[in-house]
């Protein structure tokens, strides 16, 4: 799979139509695509969706 195909696949699989990321310009195996997808899902879970926990109580005091 090419870089463009990987991005298109991630847009579809992650249900993020405008998903863009830096992905190295090379050929990707199906296994690598699945690993990349899991990495992005873990990143989202750990750093994006839990952002409210990072600011818990801080935003209420302003």
PDB file of N, CA and C in Angstrom:
ATOM      1  N   UNK A   1       0.833  -1.167   0.000  1.00  0.00           N
ATOM      2  CA  UNK A   1       0.000   0.000   0.000  1.00  0.00           C
ATOM      3  C   UNK A   1       0.887   1.242   0.000  1.00  0.00           C
ATOM      4  N   UNK A   2       0.509   2.239  -0.745  1.00  0.00           N
ATOM      5  CA  UNK A   2       1.273   3.478  -0.785  1.00  0.00           C
ATOM      6  C   UNK A   2       0.868   4.395   0.373  1.00  0.00           C
ATOM      7  N   UNK A   3       1.625   5.450   0.560  1.00  0.00           N
ATOM      8  CA  UNK A   3       1.329   6.443   1.598  1.00  0.00           C
ATOM      9  C   UNK A   3      -0.090   6.982   1.437  1.00  0.00           C
ATOM     10  N   UNK A   4      -0.470   7.335   0.225  1.00  0.00           N
ATOM     11  CA  UNK A   4      -1.798   7.883  -0.045  1.00  0.00           C
ATOM     12  C   UNK A   4      -2.885   6.862   0.282  1.00  0.00           C
ATOM     13  N   UNK A   5      -2.659   5.621  -0.088  1.00  0.00           N
ATOM     14  CA  UNK A   5      -3.638   4.565   0.201  1.00  0.00           C
ATOM     15  C   UNK A   5      -3.776   4.341   1.702  1.00  0.00           C
ATOM     16  N   UNK A   6      -2.666   4.423   2.419  1.00  0.00           N
ATOM     17  CA  UNK A   6      -2.706   4.260   3.873  1.00  0.00           C
ATOM     18  C   UNK A   6      -3.527   5.372   4.507  1.00  0.00           C
ATOM     19  N   UNK A   7      -3.304   6.603   4.097  1.00  0.00           N
ATOM     20  CA  UNK A   7      -4.059   7.736   4.643  1.00  0.00           C
ATOM     21  C   UNK A   7      -5.545   7.578   4.339  1.00  0.00           C
ATOM     22  N   UNK A   8      -5.872   7.211   3.115  1.00  0.00           N
ATOM     23  CA  UNK A   8      -7.278   6.992   2.752  1.00  0.00           C
ATOM     24  C   UNK A   8      -7.890   5.873   3.587  1.00  0.00           C
ATOM     25  N   UNK A   9      -7.144   4.821   3.794  1.00  0.00           N
ATOM     26  CA  UNK A   9      -7.624   3.688   4.597  1.00  0.00           C
ATOM     27  C   UNK A   9      -7.860   4.112   6.042  1.00  0.00           C
ATOM     28  N   UNK A  10      -6.932   4.877   6.608  1.00  0.00           N
ATOM     29  CA  UNK A  10      -7.094   5.347   7.979  1.00  0.00           C
ATOM     30  C   UNK A  10      -8.281   6.298   8.105  1.00  0.00           C
ATOM     31  N   UNK A  11      -8.487   7.143   7.107  1.00  0.00           N
ATOM     32  CA  UNK A  11      -9.647   8.031   7.117  1.00  0.00           C
ATOM     33  C   UNK A  11     -10.933   7.216   7.214  1.00  0.00           C
ATOM     34  N   UNK A  12     -10.997   6.152   6.438  1.00  0.00           N
ATOM     35  CA  UNK A  12     -12.186   5.294   6.422  1.00  0.00           C
ATOM     36  C   UNK A  12     -12.305   4.497   7.714  1.00  0.00           C
ATOM     37  N   UNK A  13     -11.237   3.806   8.109  1.00  0.00           N
ATOM     38  CA  UNK A  13     -11.279   2.938   9.286  1.00  0.00           C
ATOM     39  C   UNK A  13     -11.493   3.706  10.585  1.00  0.00           C
ATOM     40  N   UNK A  14     -10.869   4.875  10.701  1.00  0.00           N
ATOM     41  CA  UNK A  14     -10.999   5.676  11.916  1.00  0.00           C
ATOM     42  C   UNK A  14     -12.223   6.587  11.889  1.00  0.00           C
ATOM     43  N   UNK A  15     -12.892   6.633  10.733  1.00  0.00           N
ATOM     44  CA  UNK A  15     -14.089   7.478  10.536  1.00  0.00           C
ATOM     45  C   UNK A  15     -13.768   8.953  10.786  1.00  0.00           C
ATOM     46  N   UNK A  16     -12.617   9.358  10.235  1.00  0.00           N
ATOM     47  CA  UNK A  16     -12.175  10.752  10.305  1.00  0.00           C
ATOM     48  C   UNK A  16     -11.884  11.189   8.870  1.00  0.00           C
ATOM     49  N   UNK A  17     -12.887  11.721   8.166  1.00  0.00           N
ATOM     50  CA  UNK A  17     -12.735  12.022   6.740  1.00  0.00           C
ATOM     51  C   UNK A  17     -11.589  12.969   6.399  1.00  0.00           C
ATOM     52  N   UNK A  18     -11.243  13.862   7.275  1.00  0.00           N
ATOM     53  CA  UNK A  18     -10.176  14.823   6.986  1.00  0.00           C
ATOM     54  C   UNK A  18      -8.878  14.479   7.705  1.00  0.00           C
ATOM     55  N   UNK A  19      -8.753  13.232   8.111  1.00  0.00           N
ATOM     56  CA  UNK A  19      -7.558  12.778   8.814  1.00  0.00           C
ATOM     57  C   UNK A  19      -6.323  12.993   7.949  1.00  0.00           C
ATOM     58  N   UNK A  20      -5.327  13.632   8.529  1.00  0.00           N
ATOM     59  CA  UNK A  20      -4.034  13.835   7.877  1.00  0.00           C
ATOM     60  C   UNK A  20      -2.960  13.575   8.914  1.00  0.00           C
ATOM     61  N   UNK A  21      -1.888  12.957   8.500  1.00  0.00           N
ATOM     62  CA  UNK A  21      -0.780  12.691   9.411  1.00  0.00           C
ATOM     63  C   UNK A  21       0.490  12.560   8.598  1.00  0.00           C
ATOM     64  N   UNK A  22       1.612  12.758   9.273  1.00  0.00           N
ATOM     65  CA  UNK A  22       2.873  12.522   8.599  1.00  0.00           C
ATOM     66  C   UNK A  22       3.088  11.019   8.563  1.00  0.00           C
ATOM     67  N   UNK A  23       3.143  10.487   7.376  1.00  0.00           N
ATOM     68  CA  UNK A  23       3.412   9.073   7.176  1.00  0.00           C
ATOM     69  C   UNK A  23       4.517   8.986   6.137  1.00  0.00           C
ATOM     70  N   UNK A  24       5.518   8.205   6.460  1.00  0.00           N
ATOM     71  CA  UNK A  24       6.661   8.059   5.571  1.00  0.00           C
ATOM     72  C   UNK A  24       6.220   7.564   4.194  1.00  0.00           C
ATOM     73  N   UNK A  25       6.849   8.108   3.157  1.00  0.00           N
ATOM     74  CA  UNK A  25       6.514   7.760   1.780  1.00  0.00           C
ATOM     75  C   UNK A  25       7.225   6.460   1.396  1.00  0.00           C
ATOM     76  N   UNK A  26       6.551   5.328   1.631  1.00  0.00           N
ATOM     77  CA  UNK A  26       7.095   4.015   1.305  1.00  0.00           C
ATOM     78  C   UNK A  26       5.933   3.044   1.141  1.00  0.00           C
ATOM     79  N   UNK A  27       6.224   1.809   0.832  1.00  0.00           N
ATOM     80  CA  UNK A  27       5.200   0.783   0.711  1.00  0.00           C
ATOM     81  C   UNK A  27       4.886   0.207   2.091  1.00  0.00           C
ATOM     82  N   UNK A  28       3.602  -0.021   2.368  1.00  0.00           N
ATOM     83  CA  UNK A  28       3.161  -0.540   3.655  1.00  0.00           C
ATOM     84  C   UNK A  28       2.448  -1.867   3.479  1.00  0.00           C
ATOM     85  N   UNK A  29       2.753  -2.805   4.356  1.00  0.00           N
ATOM     86  CA  UNK A  29       2.056  -4.092   4.368  1.00  0.00           C
ATOM     87  C   UNK A  29       0.749  -3.919   5.151  1.00  0.00           C
ATOM     88  N   UNK A  30      -0.139  -4.878   5.013  1.00  0.00           N
ATOM     89  CA  UNK A  30      -1.389  -4.850   5.778  1.00  0.00           C
ATOM     90  C   UNK A  30      -1.096  -4.860   7.280  1.00  0.00           C
ATOM     91  N   UNK A  31      -0.108  -5.631   7.678  1.00  0.00           N
ATOM     92  CA  UNK A  31       0.264  -5.702   9.093  1.00  0.00           C
ATOM     93  C   UNK A  31       0.713  -4.336   9.600  1.00  0.00           C
ATOM     94  N   UNK A  32       1.507  -3.636   8.810  1.00  0.00           N
ATOM     95  CA  UNK A  32       1.995  -2.307   9.208  1.00  0.00           C
ATOM     96  C   UNK A  32       0.849  -1.297   9.266  1.00  0.00           C
ATOM     97  N   UNK A  33      -0.097  -1.406   8.352  1.00  0.00           N
ATOM     98  CA  UNK A  33      -1.260  -0.508   8.366  1.00  0.00           C
ATOM     99  C   UNK A  33      -2.046  -0.719   9.656  1.00  0.00           C
ATOM    100  N   UNK A  34      -2.254  -1.970  10.044  1.00  0.00           N
ATOM    101  CA  UNK A  34      -2.990  -2.260  11.273  1.00  0.00           C
ATOM    102  C   UNK A  34      -2.242  -1.754  12.507  1.00  0.00           C
ATOM    103  N   UNK A  35      -0.925  -1.887  12.509  1.00  0.00           N
ATOM    104  CA  UNK A  35      -0.118  -1.377  13.616  1.00  0.00           C
ATOM    105  C   UNK A  35      -0.217   0.142  13.697  1.00  0.00           C
ATOM    106  N   UNK A  36      -0.140   0.807  12.554  1.00  0.00           N
ATOM    107  CA  UNK A  36      -0.256   2.265  12.505  1.00  0.00           C
ATOM    108  C   UNK A  36      -1.622   2.710  12.999  1.00  0.00           C
ATOM    109  N   UNK A  37      -2.662   2.004  12.591  1.00  0.00           N
ATOM    110  CA  UNK A  37      -4.030   2.319  13.034  1.00  0.00           C
ATOM    111  C   UNK A  37      -4.135   2.196  14.555  1.00  0.00           C
ATOM    112  N   UNK A  38      -3.600   1.116  15.109  1.00  0.00           N
ATOM    113  CA  UNK A  38      -3.641   0.924  16.559  1.00  0.00           C
ATOM    114  C   UNK A  38      -2.852   2.008  17.278  1.00  0.00           C
ATOM    115  N   UNK A  39      -1.735   2.431  16.696  1.00  0.00           N
ATOM    116  CA  UNK A  39      -0.935   3.508  17.286  1.00  0.00           C
ATOM    117  C   UNK A  39      -1.724   4.808  17.348  1.00  0.00           C
ATOM    118  N   UNK A  40      -2.432   5.143  16.272  1.00  0.00           N
ATOM    119  CA  UNK A  40      -3.234   6.369  16.260  1.00  0.00           C
ATOM    120  C   UNK A  40      -4.409   6.271  17.223  1.00  0.00           C
ATOM    121  N   UNK A  41      -5.022   5.095  17.317  1.00  0.00           N
ATOM    122  CA  UNK A  41      -6.118   4.911  18.270  1.00  0.00           C
ATOM    123  C   UNK A  41      -5.614   5.067  19.708  1.00  0.00           C
ATOM    124  N   UNK A  42      -4.463   4.510  20.003  1.00  0.00           N
ATOM    125  CA  UNK A  42      -3.881   4.634  21.343  1.00  0.00           C
ATOM    126  C   UNK A  42      -3.526   6.088  21.636  1.00  0.00           C
ATOM    127  N   UNK A  43      -2.962   6.781  20.662  1.00  0.00           N
ATOM    128  CA  UNK A  43      -2.626   8.194  20.840  1.00  0.00           C
ATOM    129  C   UNK A  43      -3.886   8.997  21.154  1.00  0.00           C
ATOM    130  N   UNK A  44      -4.933   8.751  20.385  1.00  0.00           N
ATOM    131  CA  UNK A  44      -6.184   9.480  20.609  1.00  0.00           C
ATOM    132  C   UNK A  44      -6.721   9.208  22.012  1.00  0.00           C
ATOM    133  N   UNK A  45      -6.748   7.943  22.392  1.00  0.00           N
ATOM    134  CA  UNK A  45      -7.262   7.582  23.710  1.00  0.00           C
ATOM    135  C   UNK A  45      -6.433   8.195  24.824  1.00  0.00           C
ATOM    136  N   UNK A  46      -5.119   8.121  24.710  1.00  0.00           N
ATOM    137  CA  UNK A  46      -4.239   8.578  25.786  1.00  0.00           C
ATOM    138  C   UNK A  46      -4.040  10.082  25.857  1.00  0.00           C
ATOM    139  N   UNK A  47      -4.082  10.764  24.716  1.00  0.00           N
ATOM    140  CA  UNK A  47      -3.723  12.186  24.711  1.00  0.00           C
ATOM    141  C   UNK A  47      -4.836  13.134  24.285  1.00  0.00           C
ATOM    142  N   UNK A  48      -5.790  12.657  23.539  1.00  0.00           N
ATOM    143  CA  UNK A  48      -6.837  13.557  23.045  1.00  0.00           C
ATOM    144  C   UNK A  48      -8.118  13.404  23.852  1.00  0.00           C
ATOM    145  N   UNK A  49      -8.649  12.205  23.927  1.00  0.00           N
ATOM    146  CA  UNK A  49      -9.938  12.034  24.593  1.00  0.00           C
ATOM    147  C   UNK A  49      -9.845  12.204  26.103  1.00  0.00           C
ATOM    148  N   UNK A  50      -8.665  12.065  26.684  1.00  0.00           N
ATOM    149  CA  UNK A  50      -8.511  12.229  28.130  1.00  0.00           C
ATOM    150  C   UNK A  50      -8.035  13.623  28.517  1.00  0.00           C
ATOM    151  N   UNK A  51      -8.109  14.568  27.604  1.00  0.00           N
ATOM    152  CA  UNK A  51      -7.626  15.922  27.895  1.00  0.00           C
ATOM    153  C   UNK A  51      -8.422  16.549  29.032  1.00  0.00           C
ATOM    154  N   UNK A  52      -9.688  16.212  29.184  1.00  0.00           N
ATOM    155  CA  UNK A  52     -10.482  16.788  30.268  1.00  0.00           C
ATOM    156  C   UNK A  52      -9.928  16.377  31.629  1.00  0.00           C
ATOM    157  N   UNK A  53      -9.380  15.179  31.737  1.00  0.00           N
ATOM    158  CA  UNK A  53      -8.786  14.731  33.000  1.00  0.00           C
ATOM    159  C   UNK A  53      -7.560  15.565  33.352  1.00  0.00           C
ATOM    160  N   UNK A  54      -6.836  16.025  32.353  1.00  0.00           N
ATOM    161  CA  UNK A  54      -5.654  16.845  32.587  1.00  0.00           C
ATOM    162  C   UNK A  54      -6.007  18.201  33.173  1.00  0.00           C
ATOM    163  N   UNK A  55      -7.192  18.698  32.843  1.00  0.00           N
ATOM    164  CA  UNK A  55      -7.617  20.020  33.284  1.00  0.00           C
ATOM    165  C   UNK A  55      -8.717  19.968  34.332  1.00  0.00           C
ATOM    166  N   UNK A  56      -8.947  18.813  34.885  1.00  0.00           N
ATOM    167  CA  UNK A  56     -10.033  18.647  35.851  1.00  0.00           C
ATOM    168  C   UNK A  56      -9.867  19.613  37.013  1.00  0.00           C
ATOM    169  N   UNK A  57     -10.876  20.419  37.229  1.00  0.00           N
ATOM    170  CA  UNK A  57     -10.846  21.392  38.309  1.00  0.00           C
ATOM    171  C   UNK A  57     -10.190  22.699  37.936  1.00  0.00           C
ATOM    172  N   UNK A  58      -9.269  22.700  37.004  1.00  0.00           N
ATOM    173  CA  UNK A  58      -8.549  23.916  36.635  1.00  0.00           C
ATOM    174  C   UNK A  58      -9.463  24.878  35.896  1.00  0.00           C
ATOM    175  N   UNK A  59     -10.228  24.369  34.967  1.00  0.00           N
ATOM    176  CA  UNK A  59     -11.079  25.241  34.169  1.00  0.00           C
ATOM    177  C   UNK A  59     -12.246  25.795  34.961  1.00  0.00           C
ATOM    178  N   UNK A  60     -12.677  25.100  35.980  1.00  0.00           N
ATOM    179  CA  UNK A  60     -13.801  25.552  36.795  1.00  0.00           C
ATOM    180  C   UNK A  60     -13.422  26.723  37.690  1.00  0.00           C
ATOM    181  N   UNK A  61     -12.150  26.897  37.994  1.00  0.00           N
ATOM    182  CA  UNK A  61     -11.698  27.947  38.893  1.00  0.00           C
ATOM    183  C   UNK A  61     -11.516  29.286  38.210  1.00  0.00           C
ATOM    184  N   UNK A  62     -11.666  29.352  36.929  1.00  0.00           N
ATOM    185  CA  UNK A  62     -11.434  30.626  36.217  1.00  0.00           C
ATOM    186  C   UNK A  62     -12.649  31.467  36.186  1.00  0.00           C
TER     187      UNK A  62
END
